[in-house]
Amino acid sequence: MSHLIMDLVQLNVQKRNATTKAKELRWSDIIPAQFYGEGMDNLSLQMDHQTFRKLYRQAGESTIIDLHVEGEKAPLKVLVHEVQRDPLTDAIIHVDFVNVRMDRQVHTMIPIHVVGESPAVKNFGGVLINSLTELEVKCLPNDLIHSVDVDVSGLEELNHSLHVKDLNIPKTIHVLTDMERTVVTIAPPKTEQEETTVAPVAEAAAAKSGESGDQK
């Protein structure tokens, strides 16, 4: 089980005119954004939708970003704090960035990626259940990792599981998620009997309901 460390990524943004409506920006394929930082002025920003979407797909919320604000000399080191999406289209409609101080711990979530193939799935028809998809962690920014891989190729029997404590996490990262939490389990396949007993029970209940209605 490995983990992936990513280098700093770069993102160019512009300061946003407060009088410009967010809806107008989105029509132009621009995402409105906000920057927050302890002891720093908040900034209203905007950025190209396609550029950010591509970056976010790679970096997620656990990679330090060098945020280059047009007109500013030095980039801001940030994490993506929150991404808002349209409930109908799932398009990104707003992003919050939070400032990162390299000498202070950050509190964030690291995604868990399932890799490999379980022999129990291949040989016995087991069903892989991914119960946990991210870890809550605290660490210094330089120790932050982009993701953690959970390798299921060692799960050879049905009902075998892997837990948070089984993941390969660097010692420099403090995991806040319960170490006993299940990450993946190989569940037994449903038998034909289990799948077919539902229908007769439902039919019997419907028939009984119909008889009761006739007696009224």
N, C-alpha and C. Protein backbone atom coordinates (compact mmCIF):
# COMPACT_ATOMS: atom_id res chain seq x y z
N MET A 1 0.84 -1.18 0.00
CA MET A 1 0.00 0.00 0.00
C MET A 1 0.88 1.23 0.00
N SER A 2 0.77 2.03 -1.03
CA SER A 2 1.67 3.17 -1.19
C SER A 2 0.92 4.47 -1.03
N HIS A 3 1.69 5.55 -1.01
CA HIS A 3 1.10 6.87 -0.99
C HIS A 3 1.78 7.71 -2.05
N LEU A 4 1.06 8.71 -2.52
CA LEU A 4 1.54 9.54 -3.61
C LEU A 4 1.82 10.95 -3.11
N ILE A 5 3.07 11.39 -3.28
CA ILE A 5 3.46 12.74 -2.92
C ILE A 5 3.50 13.57 -4.19
N MET A 6 2.85 14.73 -4.17
CA MET A 6 2.81 15.58 -5.35
C MET A 6 3.58 16.86 -5.11
N ASP A 7 4.25 17.34 -6.14
CA ASP A 7 4.92 18.62 -6.07
C ASP A 7 3.88 19.74 -6.06
N LEU A 8 4.36 20.94 -5.71
CA LEU A 8 3.48 22.10 -5.78
C LEU A 8 2.96 22.27 -7.20
N VAL A 9 1.70 22.65 -7.31
CA VAL A 9 1.13 22.93 -8.62
C VAL A 9 0.85 24.43 -8.71
N GLN A 10 0.78 24.92 -9.93
CA GLN A 10 0.62 26.35 -10.17
C GLN A 10 -0.78 26.65 -10.71
N LEU A 11 -1.34 27.77 -10.27
CA LEU A 11 -2.64 28.20 -10.79
C LEU A 11 -2.65 29.72 -10.91
N ASN A 12 -2.99 30.21 -12.08
CA ASN A 12 -3.09 31.65 -12.31
C ASN A 12 -4.54 32.10 -12.14
N VAL A 13 -4.73 33.16 -11.35
CA VAL A 13 -6.06 33.71 -11.10
C VAL A 13 -6.01 35.23 -11.24
N GLN A 14 -7.19 35.84 -11.33
CA GLN A 14 -7.30 37.29 -11.41
C GLN A 14 -8.19 37.80 -10.28
N LYS A 15 -7.95 39.05 -9.88
CA LYS A 15 -8.84 39.67 -8.90
C LYS A 15 -10.18 39.94 -9.56
N ARG A 16 -11.24 39.71 -8.79
CA ARG A 16 -12.59 39.83 -9.35
C ARG A 16 -13.22 41.17 -8.99
N ASN A 17 -13.85 41.76 -9.96
CA ASN A 17 -14.59 43.00 -9.73
C ASN A 17 -15.84 42.69 -8.93
N ALA A 18 -15.99 43.35 -7.79
CA ALA A 18 -17.10 43.06 -6.89
C ALA A 18 -18.46 43.34 -7.52
N THR A 19 -18.49 44.19 -8.54
CA THR A 19 -19.76 44.54 -9.17
C THR A 19 -20.20 43.52 -10.23
N THR A 20 -19.28 42.64 -10.60
CA THR A 20 -19.61 41.62 -11.61
C THR A 20 -20.35 40.46 -10.95
N LYS A 21 -21.51 40.12 -11.46
CA LYS A 21 -22.29 39.04 -10.88
C LYS A 21 -21.67 37.69 -11.22
N ALA A 22 -21.76 36.78 -10.24
CA ALA A 22 -21.18 35.44 -10.43
C ALA A 22 -21.79 34.73 -11.63
N LYS A 23 -23.09 34.93 -11.85
CA LYS A 23 -23.76 34.26 -12.97
C LYS A 23 -23.17 34.72 -14.30
N GLU A 24 -22.82 36.00 -14.40
CA GLU A 24 -22.23 36.52 -15.63
C GLU A 24 -20.86 35.88 -15.89
N LEU A 25 -20.09 35.67 -14.82
CA LEU A 25 -18.79 35.03 -14.96
C LEU A 25 -18.94 33.61 -15.48
N ARG A 26 -19.89 32.88 -14.91
CA ARG A 26 -20.07 31.48 -15.29
C ARG A 26 -20.49 31.35 -16.75
N TRP A 27 -21.27 32.29 -17.23
CA TRP A 27 -21.66 32.29 -18.64
C TRP A 27 -20.43 32.42 -19.54
N SER A 28 -19.37 33.05 -19.01
CA SER A 28 -18.13 33.23 -19.77
C SER A 28 -17.11 32.15 -19.45
N ASP A 29 -17.56 31.07 -18.82
CA ASP A 29 -16.69 29.94 -18.46
C ASP A 29 -15.62 30.36 -17.45
N ILE A 30 -16.01 31.27 -16.55
CA ILE A 30 -15.12 31.74 -15.49
C ILE A 30 -15.72 31.33 -14.14
N ILE A 31 -14.87 30.84 -13.23
CA ILE A 31 -15.32 30.44 -11.90
C ILE A 31 -14.98 31.54 -10.89
N PRO A 32 -15.96 32.03 -10.13
CA PRO A 32 -15.65 32.95 -9.04
C PRO A 32 -15.03 32.18 -7.88
N ALA A 33 -14.13 32.85 -7.15
CA ALA A 33 -13.44 32.18 -6.04
C ALA A 33 -13.17 33.19 -4.93
N GLN A 34 -12.82 32.66 -3.76
CA GLN A 34 -12.51 33.50 -2.62
C GLN A 34 -11.26 32.97 -1.94
N PHE A 35 -10.40 33.89 -1.50
CA PHE A 35 -9.19 33.53 -0.76
C PHE A 35 -9.32 34.02 0.67
N TYR A 36 -9.01 33.12 1.64
CA TYR A 36 -9.02 33.46 3.05
C TYR A 36 -7.66 33.14 3.65
N GLY A 37 -7.23 33.95 4.61
CA GLY A 37 -5.98 33.68 5.29
C GLY A 37 -5.92 34.39 6.62
N GLU A 38 -5.43 33.68 7.63
CA GLU A 38 -5.32 34.27 8.96
C GLU A 38 -4.38 35.48 8.92
N GLY A 39 -4.89 36.63 9.38
CA GLY A 39 -4.09 37.84 9.38
C GLY A 39 -3.88 38.44 8.01
N MET A 40 -4.63 37.98 7.02
CA MET A 40 -4.49 38.48 5.65
C MET A 40 -5.84 38.96 5.15
N ASP A 41 -5.80 39.86 4.18
CA ASP A 41 -7.04 40.35 3.59
C ASP A 41 -7.67 39.27 2.71
N ASN A 42 -9.00 39.16 2.80
CA ASN A 42 -9.70 38.25 1.90
C ASN A 42 -9.64 38.81 0.48
N LEU A 43 -9.59 37.92 -0.49
CA LEU A 43 -9.53 38.34 -1.89
C LEU A 43 -10.65 37.68 -2.68
N SER A 44 -11.36 38.48 -3.46
CA SER A 44 -12.33 37.94 -4.41
C SER A 44 -11.60 37.70 -5.73
N LEU A 45 -11.68 36.47 -6.21
CA LEU A 45 -10.88 36.06 -7.37
C LEU A 45 -11.76 35.45 -8.45
N GLN A 46 -11.15 35.23 -9.60
CA GLN A 46 -11.81 34.50 -10.69
C GLN A 46 -10.74 33.75 -11.48
N MET A 47 -11.17 32.67 -12.15
CA MET A 47 -10.20 31.84 -12.88
C MET A 47 -10.92 31.08 -13.99
N ASP A 48 -10.14 30.62 -14.93
CA ASP A 48 -10.68 29.86 -16.05
C ASP A 48 -11.23 28.52 -15.57
N HIS A 49 -12.45 28.22 -15.98
CA HIS A 49 -13.14 27.00 -15.53
C HIS A 49 -12.40 25.74 -15.94
N GLN A 50 -12.02 25.63 -17.20
CA GLN A 50 -11.37 24.42 -17.69
C GLN A 50 -10.02 24.19 -17.03
N THR A 51 -9.27 25.28 -16.83
CA THR A 51 -7.96 25.17 -16.20
C THR A 51 -8.08 24.65 -14.77
N PHE A 52 -9.02 25.23 -14.02
CA PHE A 52 -9.18 24.78 -12.63
C PHE A 52 -9.71 23.36 -12.56
N ARG A 53 -10.66 23.02 -13.41
CA ARG A 53 -11.23 21.67 -13.37
C ARG A 53 -10.16 20.62 -13.60
N LYS A 54 -9.26 20.87 -14.55
CA LYS A 54 -8.17 19.95 -14.82
C LYS A 54 -7.22 19.86 -13.63
N LEU A 55 -6.89 21.01 -13.04
CA LEU A 55 -5.99 21.02 -11.88
C LEU A 55 -6.63 20.29 -10.70
N TYR A 56 -7.91 20.56 -10.46
CA TYR A 56 -8.59 19.97 -9.30
C TYR A 56 -8.71 18.46 -9.44
N ARG A 57 -8.88 17.99 -10.66
CA ARG A 57 -8.96 16.55 -10.88
C ARG A 57 -7.65 15.88 -10.48
N GLN A 58 -6.54 16.56 -10.67
CA GLN A 58 -5.22 16.01 -10.34
C GLN A 58 -4.83 16.28 -8.89
N ALA A 59 -5.10 17.49 -8.42
CA ALA A 59 -4.60 17.91 -7.11
C ALA A 59 -5.56 17.65 -5.97
N GLY A 60 -6.86 17.72 -6.23
CA GLY A 60 -7.83 17.53 -5.17
C GLY A 60 -7.70 18.61 -4.10
N GLU A 61 -7.98 18.21 -2.85
CA GLU A 61 -7.92 19.16 -1.73
C GLU A 61 -6.75 18.88 -0.81
N SER A 62 -5.82 18.05 -1.26
CA SER A 62 -4.69 17.68 -0.40
C SER A 62 -3.34 17.98 -1.04
N THR A 63 -3.32 18.92 -1.97
CA THR A 63 -2.07 19.32 -2.62
C THR A 63 -1.90 20.83 -2.50
N ILE A 64 -0.72 21.26 -2.08
CA ILE A 64 -0.43 22.69 -1.97
C ILE A 64 -0.37 23.31 -3.36
N ILE A 65 -1.05 24.44 -3.51
CA ILE A 65 -1.09 25.15 -4.79
C ILE A 65 -0.39 26.49 -4.64
N ASP A 66 0.47 26.81 -5.60
CA ASP A 66 1.02 28.16 -5.71
C ASP A 66 0.02 28.99 -6.50
N LEU A 67 -0.68 29.87 -5.80
CA LEU A 67 -1.73 30.68 -6.42
C LEU A 67 -1.14 32.01 -6.88
N HIS A 68 -1.02 32.18 -8.18
CA HIS A 68 -0.45 33.40 -8.75
C HIS A 68 -1.59 34.37 -9.06
N VAL A 69 -1.69 35.41 -8.23
CA VAL A 69 -2.73 36.42 -8.41
C VAL A 69 -2.19 37.52 -9.33
N GLU A 70 -2.90 37.78 -10.40
CA GLU A 70 -2.46 38.79 -11.36
C GLU A 70 -2.23 40.13 -10.66
N GLY A 71 -1.05 40.71 -10.88
CA GLY A 71 -0.72 41.99 -10.26
C GLY A 71 0.05 41.88 -8.97
N GLU A 72 0.15 40.66 -8.41
CA GLU A 72 0.90 40.44 -7.17
C GLU A 72 2.25 39.82 -7.49
N LYS A 73 3.27 40.19 -6.71
CA LYS A 73 4.63 39.73 -6.99
C LYS A 73 4.84 38.27 -6.59
N ALA A 74 4.41 37.92 -5.39
CA ALA A 74 4.68 36.57 -4.87
C ALA A 74 3.41 35.73 -4.88
N PRO A 75 3.53 34.44 -5.20
CA PRO A 75 2.35 33.57 -5.17
C PRO A 75 1.91 33.28 -3.73
N LEU A 76 0.65 32.93 -3.58
CA LEU A 76 0.11 32.53 -2.28
C LEU A 76 0.08 31.01 -2.23
N LYS A 77 0.51 30.45 -1.12
CA LYS A 77 0.43 28.99 -0.95
C LYS A 77 -0.92 28.67 -0.32
N VAL A 78 -1.70 27.86 -1.03
CA VAL A 78 -3.08 27.61 -0.61
C VAL A 78 -3.44 26.13 -0.76
N LEU A 79 -4.52 25.78 -0.10
CA LEU A 79 -5.23 24.52 -0.33
C LEU A 79 -6.63 24.85 -0.80
N VAL A 80 -7.20 23.98 -1.59
CA VAL A 80 -8.62 24.11 -1.92
C VAL A 80 -9.41 23.73 -0.67
N HIS A 81 -10.18 24.68 -0.17
CA HIS A 81 -10.93 24.44 1.07
C HIS A 81 -12.33 23.90 0.80
N GLU A 82 -12.98 24.46 -0.22
CA GLU A 82 -14.34 24.02 -0.55
C GLU A 82 -14.63 24.27 -2.02
N VAL A 83 -15.29 23.32 -2.63
CA VAL A 83 -15.74 23.46 -4.02
C VAL A 83 -17.25 23.30 -4.05
N GLN A 84 -17.94 24.31 -4.55
CA GLN A 84 -19.39 24.25 -4.69
C GLN A 84 -19.76 23.85 -6.11
N ARG A 85 -20.75 22.98 -6.22
CA ARG A 85 -21.18 22.49 -7.54
C ARG A 85 -22.67 22.74 -7.76
N ASP A 86 -23.02 22.89 -9.00
CA ASP A 86 -24.42 23.02 -9.38
C ASP A 86 -25.12 21.68 -9.12
N PRO A 87 -26.22 21.68 -8.36
CA PRO A 87 -26.88 20.41 -8.02
C PRO A 87 -27.45 19.66 -9.22
N LEU A 88 -27.70 20.36 -10.31
CA LEU A 88 -28.27 19.71 -11.49
C LEU A 88 -27.21 19.26 -12.48
N THR A 89 -26.23 20.12 -12.75
CA THR A 89 -25.22 19.81 -13.77
C THR A 89 -23.91 19.29 -13.19
N ASP A 90 -23.70 19.47 -11.89
CA ASP A 90 -22.46 19.09 -11.21
C ASP A 90 -21.28 19.96 -11.63
N ALA A 91 -21.54 21.04 -12.35
CA ALA A 91 -20.47 21.96 -12.75
C ALA A 91 -19.97 22.74 -11.54
N ILE A 92 -18.68 23.04 -11.51
CA ILE A 92 -18.10 23.82 -10.42
C ILE A 92 -18.57 25.27 -10.55
N ILE A 93 -19.15 25.82 -9.47
CA ILE A 93 -19.69 27.18 -9.54
C ILE A 93 -18.98 28.15 -8.58
N HIS A 94 -18.21 27.65 -7.62
CA HIS A 94 -17.47 28.54 -6.71
C HIS A 94 -16.41 27.73 -5.98
N VAL A 95 -15.29 28.39 -5.68
CA VAL A 95 -14.18 27.73 -4.98
C VAL A 95 -13.66 28.63 -3.87
N ASP A 96 -13.39 28.03 -2.71
CA ASP A 96 -12.73 28.73 -1.61
C ASP A 96 -11.31 28.20 -1.47
N PHE A 97 -10.35 29.12 -1.42
CA PHE A 97 -8.95 28.78 -1.14
C PHE A 97 -8.60 29.26 0.26
N VAL A 98 -7.82 28.47 0.98
CA VAL A 98 -7.36 28.88 2.31
C VAL A 98 -5.84 28.95 2.31
N ASN A 99 -5.31 30.01 2.92
CA ASN A 99 -3.86 30.20 2.97
C ASN A 99 -3.18 29.13 3.82
N VAL A 100 -2.00 28.74 3.41
CA VAL A 100 -1.23 27.72 4.12
C VAL A 100 0.09 28.34 4.59
N ARG A 101 0.35 28.20 5.89
CA ARG A 101 1.65 28.59 6.43
C ARG A 101 2.49 27.33 6.56
N MET A 102 3.67 27.36 5.99
CA MET A 102 4.49 26.15 5.91
C MET A 102 5.00 25.68 7.27
N ASP A 103 4.92 26.55 8.30
CA ASP A 103 5.37 26.17 9.64
C ASP A 103 4.23 25.75 10.55
N ARG A 104 3.01 25.67 9.99
CA ARG A 104 1.85 25.27 10.79
C ARG A 104 1.17 24.05 10.16
N GLN A 105 0.63 23.21 11.02
CA GLN A 105 -0.07 22.02 10.52
C GLN A 105 -1.35 22.41 9.79
N VAL A 106 -1.66 21.62 8.78
CA VAL A 106 -2.93 21.79 8.08
C VAL A 106 -3.85 20.62 8.42
N HIS A 107 -5.13 20.89 8.41
CA HIS A 107 -6.15 19.89 8.71
C HIS A 107 -6.95 19.68 7.43
N THR A 108 -6.84 18.48 6.85
CA THR A 108 -7.48 18.25 5.55
C THR A 108 -7.86 16.78 5.38
N MET A 109 -8.39 16.46 4.21
CA MET A 109 -8.78 15.09 3.88
C MET A 109 -7.90 14.58 2.75
N ILE A 110 -7.47 13.32 2.86
CA ILE A 110 -6.66 12.68 1.83
C ILE A 110 -7.47 11.53 1.22
N PRO A 111 -7.64 11.52 -0.10
CA PRO A 111 -8.41 10.44 -0.73
C PRO A 111 -7.71 9.09 -0.67
N ILE A 112 -8.52 8.04 -0.59
CA ILE A 112 -8.02 6.66 -0.60
C ILE A 112 -8.39 6.05 -1.95
N HIS A 113 -7.40 5.46 -2.63
CA HIS A 113 -7.62 4.83 -3.93
C HIS A 113 -7.44 3.31 -3.80
N VAL A 114 -8.40 2.57 -4.28
CA VAL A 114 -8.32 1.11 -4.28
C VAL A 114 -7.54 0.67 -5.51
N VAL A 115 -6.50 -0.15 -5.30
CA VAL A 115 -5.70 -0.66 -6.42
C VAL A 115 -5.58 -2.18 -6.29
N GLY A 116 -5.25 -2.82 -7.41
CA GLY A 116 -5.08 -4.27 -7.41
C GLY A 116 -6.39 -5.01 -7.58
N GLU A 117 -6.29 -6.32 -7.65
CA GLU A 117 -7.47 -7.18 -7.81
C GLU A 117 -7.47 -8.24 -6.72
N SER A 118 -8.57 -8.34 -6.02
CA SER A 118 -8.68 -9.32 -4.94
C SER A 118 -8.92 -10.72 -5.51
N PRO A 119 -8.11 -11.72 -5.10
CA PRO A 119 -8.36 -13.10 -5.52
C PRO A 119 -9.74 -13.59 -5.09
N ALA A 120 -10.24 -13.07 -3.97
CA ALA A 120 -11.56 -13.50 -3.50
C ALA A 120 -12.66 -13.02 -4.44
N VAL A 121 -12.45 -11.90 -5.09
CA VAL A 121 -13.41 -11.41 -6.08
C VAL A 121 -13.29 -12.24 -7.35
N LYS A 122 -12.06 -12.47 -7.78
CA LYS A 122 -11.82 -13.17 -9.03
C LYS A 122 -12.21 -14.65 -8.95
N ASN A 123 -11.86 -15.30 -7.84
CA ASN A 123 -12.05 -16.76 -7.74
C ASN A 123 -13.38 -17.18 -7.13
N PHE A 124 -13.92 -16.35 -6.23
CA PHE A 124 -15.13 -16.76 -5.51
C PHE A 124 -16.33 -15.85 -5.76
N GLY A 125 -16.18 -14.89 -6.65
CA GLY A 125 -17.30 -14.00 -6.96
C GLY A 125 -17.62 -13.02 -5.86
N GLY A 126 -16.65 -12.75 -4.99
CA GLY A 126 -16.87 -11.80 -3.90
C GLY A 126 -17.16 -10.40 -4.42
N VAL A 127 -17.78 -9.61 -3.57
CA VAL A 127 -18.13 -8.23 -3.92
C VAL A 127 -17.28 -7.28 -3.08
N LEU A 128 -16.49 -6.44 -3.75
CA LEU A 128 -15.64 -5.50 -3.03
C LEU A 128 -16.47 -4.30 -2.59
N ILE A 129 -16.48 -4.06 -1.29
CA ILE A 129 -17.20 -2.92 -0.72
C ILE A 129 -16.19 -1.91 -0.20
N ASN A 130 -16.21 -0.73 -0.80
CA ASN A 130 -15.29 0.35 -0.40
C ASN A 130 -16.01 1.25 0.61
N SER A 131 -15.75 1.01 1.89
CA SER A 131 -16.50 1.68 2.95
C SER A 131 -15.96 3.06 3.30
N LEU A 132 -14.69 3.30 3.01
CA LEU A 132 -14.06 4.57 3.39
C LEU A 132 -13.25 5.09 2.20
N THR A 133 -13.53 6.31 1.79
CA THR A 133 -12.89 6.85 0.58
C THR A 133 -11.90 7.97 0.86
N GLU A 134 -11.81 8.45 2.10
CA GLU A 134 -10.84 9.48 2.43
C GLU A 134 -10.49 9.45 3.90
N LEU A 135 -9.30 9.98 4.22
CA LEU A 135 -8.80 10.04 5.59
C LEU A 135 -8.74 11.48 6.07
N GLU A 136 -9.12 11.68 7.32
CA GLU A 136 -8.96 12.99 7.95
C GLU A 136 -7.58 13.03 8.61
N VAL A 137 -6.78 14.04 8.28
CA VAL A 137 -5.40 14.07 8.77
C VAL A 137 -4.99 15.48 9.20
N LYS A 138 -3.87 15.51 9.94
CA LYS A 138 -3.19 16.76 10.29
C LYS A 138 -1.71 16.55 10.06
N CYS A 139 -1.05 17.55 9.45
CA CYS A 139 0.39 17.45 9.24
C CYS A 139 0.92 18.80 8.76
N LEU A 140 2.24 18.92 8.73
CA LEU A 140 2.84 20.10 8.14
C LEU A 140 2.67 20.05 6.62
N PRO A 141 2.54 21.19 5.98
CA PRO A 141 2.29 21.21 4.53
C PRO A 141 3.29 20.41 3.71
N ASN A 142 4.56 20.46 4.08
CA ASN A 142 5.57 19.73 3.31
C ASN A 142 5.44 18.21 3.45
N ASP A 143 4.72 17.76 4.46
CA ASP A 143 4.54 16.33 4.69
C ASP A 143 3.24 15.81 4.07
N LEU A 144 2.46 16.70 3.51
CA LEU A 144 1.16 16.31 2.96
C LEU A 144 1.33 15.41 1.74
N ILE A 145 0.52 14.38 1.66
CA ILE A 145 0.53 13.48 0.51
C ILE A 145 -0.79 13.64 -0.25
N HIS A 146 -0.73 13.36 -1.54
CA HIS A 146 -1.91 13.58 -2.39
C HIS A 146 -2.96 12.51 -2.19
N SER A 147 -2.53 11.26 -1.99
CA SER A 147 -3.49 10.16 -1.85
C SER A 147 -2.81 8.96 -1.22
N VAL A 148 -3.63 8.01 -0.80
CA VAL A 148 -3.15 6.75 -0.24
C VAL A 148 -3.76 5.61 -1.04
N ASP A 149 -2.93 4.65 -1.45
CA ASP A 149 -3.43 3.47 -2.16
C ASP A 149 -3.67 2.33 -1.18
N VAL A 150 -4.81 1.67 -1.32
CA VAL A 150 -5.07 0.45 -0.56
C VAL A 150 -5.09 -0.70 -1.56
N ASP A 151 -4.13 -1.60 -1.42
CA ASP A 151 -3.95 -2.71 -2.35
C ASP A 151 -4.76 -3.91 -1.88
N VAL A 152 -5.74 -4.32 -2.67
CA VAL A 152 -6.63 -5.42 -2.27
C VAL A 152 -6.17 -6.76 -2.82
N SER A 153 -5.00 -6.81 -3.45
CA SER A 153 -4.54 -8.07 -4.04
C SER A 153 -4.20 -9.12 -2.98
N GLY A 154 -4.11 -8.71 -1.73
CA GLY A 154 -3.84 -9.68 -0.67
C GLY A 154 -5.09 -10.22 0.00
N LEU A 155 -6.26 -9.75 -0.43
CA LEU A 155 -7.52 -10.24 0.15
C LEU A 155 -7.95 -11.49 -0.61
N GLU A 156 -7.58 -12.65 -0.06
CA GLU A 156 -7.77 -13.92 -0.77
C GLU A 156 -9.03 -14.67 -0.37
N GLU A 157 -9.64 -14.26 0.74
CA GLU A 157 -10.82 -14.98 1.24
C GLU A 157 -12.01 -14.03 1.36
N LEU A 158 -13.20 -14.60 1.28
CA LEU A 158 -14.42 -13.83 1.50
C LEU A 158 -14.47 -13.34 2.94
N ASN A 159 -15.07 -12.19 3.15
CA ASN A 159 -15.22 -11.55 4.46
C ASN A 159 -13.92 -10.98 5.02
N HIS A 160 -12.86 -11.02 4.24
CA HIS A 160 -11.61 -10.38 4.67
C HIS A 160 -11.72 -8.87 4.45
N SER A 161 -11.08 -8.11 5.35
CA SER A 161 -11.16 -6.65 5.31
C SER A 161 -9.79 -6.02 5.51
N LEU A 162 -9.69 -4.76 5.13
CA LEU A 162 -8.54 -3.93 5.46
C LEU A 162 -9.05 -2.70 6.20
N HIS A 163 -8.29 -2.29 7.22
CA HIS A 163 -8.70 -1.17 8.06
C HIS A 163 -7.70 -0.02 7.93
N VAL A 164 -8.05 1.11 8.52
CA VAL A 164 -7.16 2.27 8.46
C VAL A 164 -5.79 1.93 9.00
N LYS A 165 -5.74 1.13 10.05
CA LYS A 165 -4.46 0.76 10.66
C LYS A 165 -3.58 -0.06 9.71
N ASP A 166 -4.17 -0.62 8.65
CA ASP A 166 -3.40 -1.41 7.69
C ASP A 166 -2.78 -0.56 6.58
N LEU A 167 -3.16 0.71 6.51
CA LEU A 167 -2.66 1.58 5.45
C LEU A 167 -1.23 2.04 5.73
N ASN A 168 -0.50 2.27 4.68
CA ASN A 168 0.89 2.72 4.80
C ASN A 168 0.91 4.25 4.79
N ILE A 169 0.86 4.83 5.99
CA ILE A 169 0.83 6.28 6.15
C ILE A 169 2.16 6.75 6.74
N PRO A 170 2.79 7.76 6.16
CA PRO A 170 4.04 8.28 6.73
C PRO A 170 3.85 8.69 8.19
N LYS A 171 4.88 8.48 8.99
CA LYS A 171 4.80 8.80 10.42
C LYS A 171 4.65 10.30 10.67
N THR A 172 4.99 11.10 9.68
CA THR A 172 4.88 12.55 9.84
C THR A 172 3.44 13.04 9.73
N ILE A 173 2.53 12.13 9.39
CA ILE A 173 1.12 12.50 9.24
C ILE A 173 0.32 11.92 10.40
N HIS A 174 -0.44 12.78 11.07
CA HIS A 174 -1.29 12.35 12.18
C HIS A 174 -2.69 12.05 11.63
N VAL A 175 -3.07 10.79 11.68
CA VAL A 175 -4.37 10.37 11.16
C VAL A 175 -5.43 10.57 12.24
N LEU A 176 -6.47 11.34 11.92
CA LEU A 176 -7.55 11.61 12.86
C LEU A 176 -8.70 10.62 12.73
N THR A 177 -8.79 9.97 11.59
CA THR A 177 -9.82 8.94 11.39
C THR A 177 -9.53 7.75 12.31
N ASP A 178 -10.57 7.15 12.86
CA ASP A 178 -10.43 5.99 13.74
C ASP A 178 -9.64 4.89 13.03
N MET A 179 -8.57 4.43 13.67
CA MET A 179 -7.69 3.43 13.06
C MET A 179 -8.38 2.09 12.84
N GLU A 180 -9.49 1.85 13.53
CA GLU A 180 -10.22 0.58 13.38
C GLU A 180 -11.29 0.64 12.29
N ARG A 181 -11.47 1.81 11.69
CA ARG A 181 -12.47 1.93 10.62
C ARG A 181 -12.13 1.00 9.46
N THR A 182 -13.13 0.34 8.93
CA THR A 182 -12.95 -0.54 7.78
C THR A 182 -12.84 0.30 6.51
N VAL A 183 -11.84 -0.02 5.69
CA VAL A 183 -11.65 0.67 4.41
C VAL A 183 -12.30 -0.12 3.29
N VAL A 184 -11.96 -1.40 3.18
CA VAL A 184 -12.56 -2.27 2.16
C VAL A 184 -12.87 -3.63 2.77
N THR A 185 -13.91 -4.26 2.26
CA THR A 185 -14.31 -5.61 2.67
C THR A 185 -14.68 -6.40 1.42
N ILE A 186 -14.38 -7.70 1.44
CA ILE A 186 -14.83 -8.58 0.36
C ILE A 186 -16.04 -9.35 0.88
N ALA A 187 -17.21 -8.94 0.42
CA ALA A 187 -18.45 -9.57 0.87
C ALA A 187 -18.76 -10.79 0.01
N PRO A 188 -19.43 -11.80 0.59
CA PRO A 188 -19.81 -12.99 -0.19
C PRO A 188 -20.81 -12.61 -1.28
N PRO A 189 -20.81 -13.34 -2.39
CA PRO A 189 -21.80 -13.06 -3.44
C PRO A 189 -23.18 -13.47 -2.98
N LYS A 190 -24.21 -12.82 -3.52
CA LYS A 190 -25.57 -13.22 -3.20
C LYS A 190 -25.86 -14.55 -3.87
N THR A 191 -26.49 -15.46 -3.12
CA THR A 191 -26.86 -16.75 -3.71
C THR A 191 -28.14 -16.58 -4.52
N GLU A 192 -28.39 -17.54 -5.42
CA GLU A 192 -29.61 -17.49 -6.23
C GLU A 192 -30.84 -17.54 -5.33
N GLN A 193 -30.73 -18.29 -4.23
CA GLN A 193 -31.88 -18.41 -3.33
C GLN A 193 -32.20 -17.07 -2.69
N GLU A 194 -31.14 -16.32 -2.28
CA GLU A 194 -31.35 -15.02 -1.67
C GLU A 194 -32.00 -14.05 -2.65
N GLU A 195 -31.60 -14.15 -3.92
CA GLU A 195 -32.12 -13.22 -4.92
C GLU A 195 -33.56 -13.53 -5.31
N THR A 196 -33.94 -14.83 -5.24
CA THR A 196 -35.28 -15.22 -5.71
C THR A 196 -36.32 -15.25 -4.60
N THR A 197 -35.89 -15.28 -3.32
CA THR A 197 -36.87 -15.34 -2.24
C THR A 197 -37.60 -14.03 -2.06
N VAL A 198 -37.03 -12.93 -2.53
CA VAL A 198 -37.66 -11.63 -2.37
C VAL A 198 -38.97 -11.57 -3.14
N ALA A 199 -39.00 -12.09 -4.37
CA ALA A 199 -40.18 -12.01 -5.21
C ALA A 199 -41.37 -12.77 -4.62
N PRO A 200 -41.23 -14.06 -4.20
CA PRO A 200 -42.37 -14.77 -3.63
C PRO A 200 -42.93 -14.09 -2.39
N VAL A 201 -42.06 -13.55 -1.55
CA VAL A 201 -42.52 -12.88 -0.33
C VAL A 201 -43.34 -11.65 -0.70
N ALA A 202 -42.86 -10.90 -1.69
CA ALA A 202 -43.58 -9.70 -2.13
C ALA A 202 -44.93 -10.08 -2.73
N GLU A 203 -44.96 -11.17 -3.53
CA GLU A 203 -46.21 -11.61 -4.15
C GLU A 203 -47.21 -12.07 -3.10
N ALA A 204 -46.71 -12.76 -2.09
CA ALA A 204 -47.60 -13.25 -1.03
C ALA A 204 -48.20 -12.08 -0.26
N ALA A 205 -47.39 -11.07 0.00
CA ALA A 205 -47.87 -9.89 0.72
C ALA A 205 -48.93 -9.17 -0.10
N ALA A 206 -48.70 -9.09 -1.42
CA ALA A 206 -49.66 -8.41 -2.30
C ALA A 206 -50.98 -9.18 -2.34
N ALA A 207 -50.88 -10.51 -2.40
CA ALA A 207 -52.09 -11.33 -2.45
C ALA A 207 -52.90 -11.19 -1.18
N LYS A 208 -52.20 -11.16 -0.04
CA LYS A 208 -52.88 -11.03 1.25
C LYS A 208 -53.58 -9.69 1.35
N SER A 209 -52.91 -8.65 0.81
CA SER A 209 -53.50 -7.32 0.82
C SER A 209 -54.76 -7.28 -0.03
N GLY A 210 -54.72 -8.01 -1.17
CA GLY A 210 -55.87 -8.05 -2.05
C GLY A 210 -57.05 -8.76 -1.41
N GLU A 211 -56.79 -9.85 -0.68
CA GLU A 211 -57.85 -10.58 0.00
C GLU A 211 -58.51 -9.71 1.06
N SER A 212 -57.69 -8.94 1.77
CA SER A 212 -58.24 -8.06 2.81
C SER A 212 -59.16 -7.03 2.19
N GLY A 213 -58.77 -6.53 1.00
CA GLY A 213 -59.59 -5.53 0.33
C GLY A 213 -60.91 -6.12 -0.13
N ASP A 214 -60.93 -7.40 -0.56
CA ASP A 214 -62.16 -8.03 -1.03
C ASP A 214 -63.15 -8.24 0.10
N GLN A 215 -62.63 -8.41 1.33
CA GLN A 215 -63.51 -8.71 2.46
C GLN A 215 -64.21 -7.47 2.98
N LYS A 216 -63.74 -6.28 2.55
CA LYS A 216 -64.35 -5.04 3.04
C LYS A 216 -65.72 -4.84 2.40
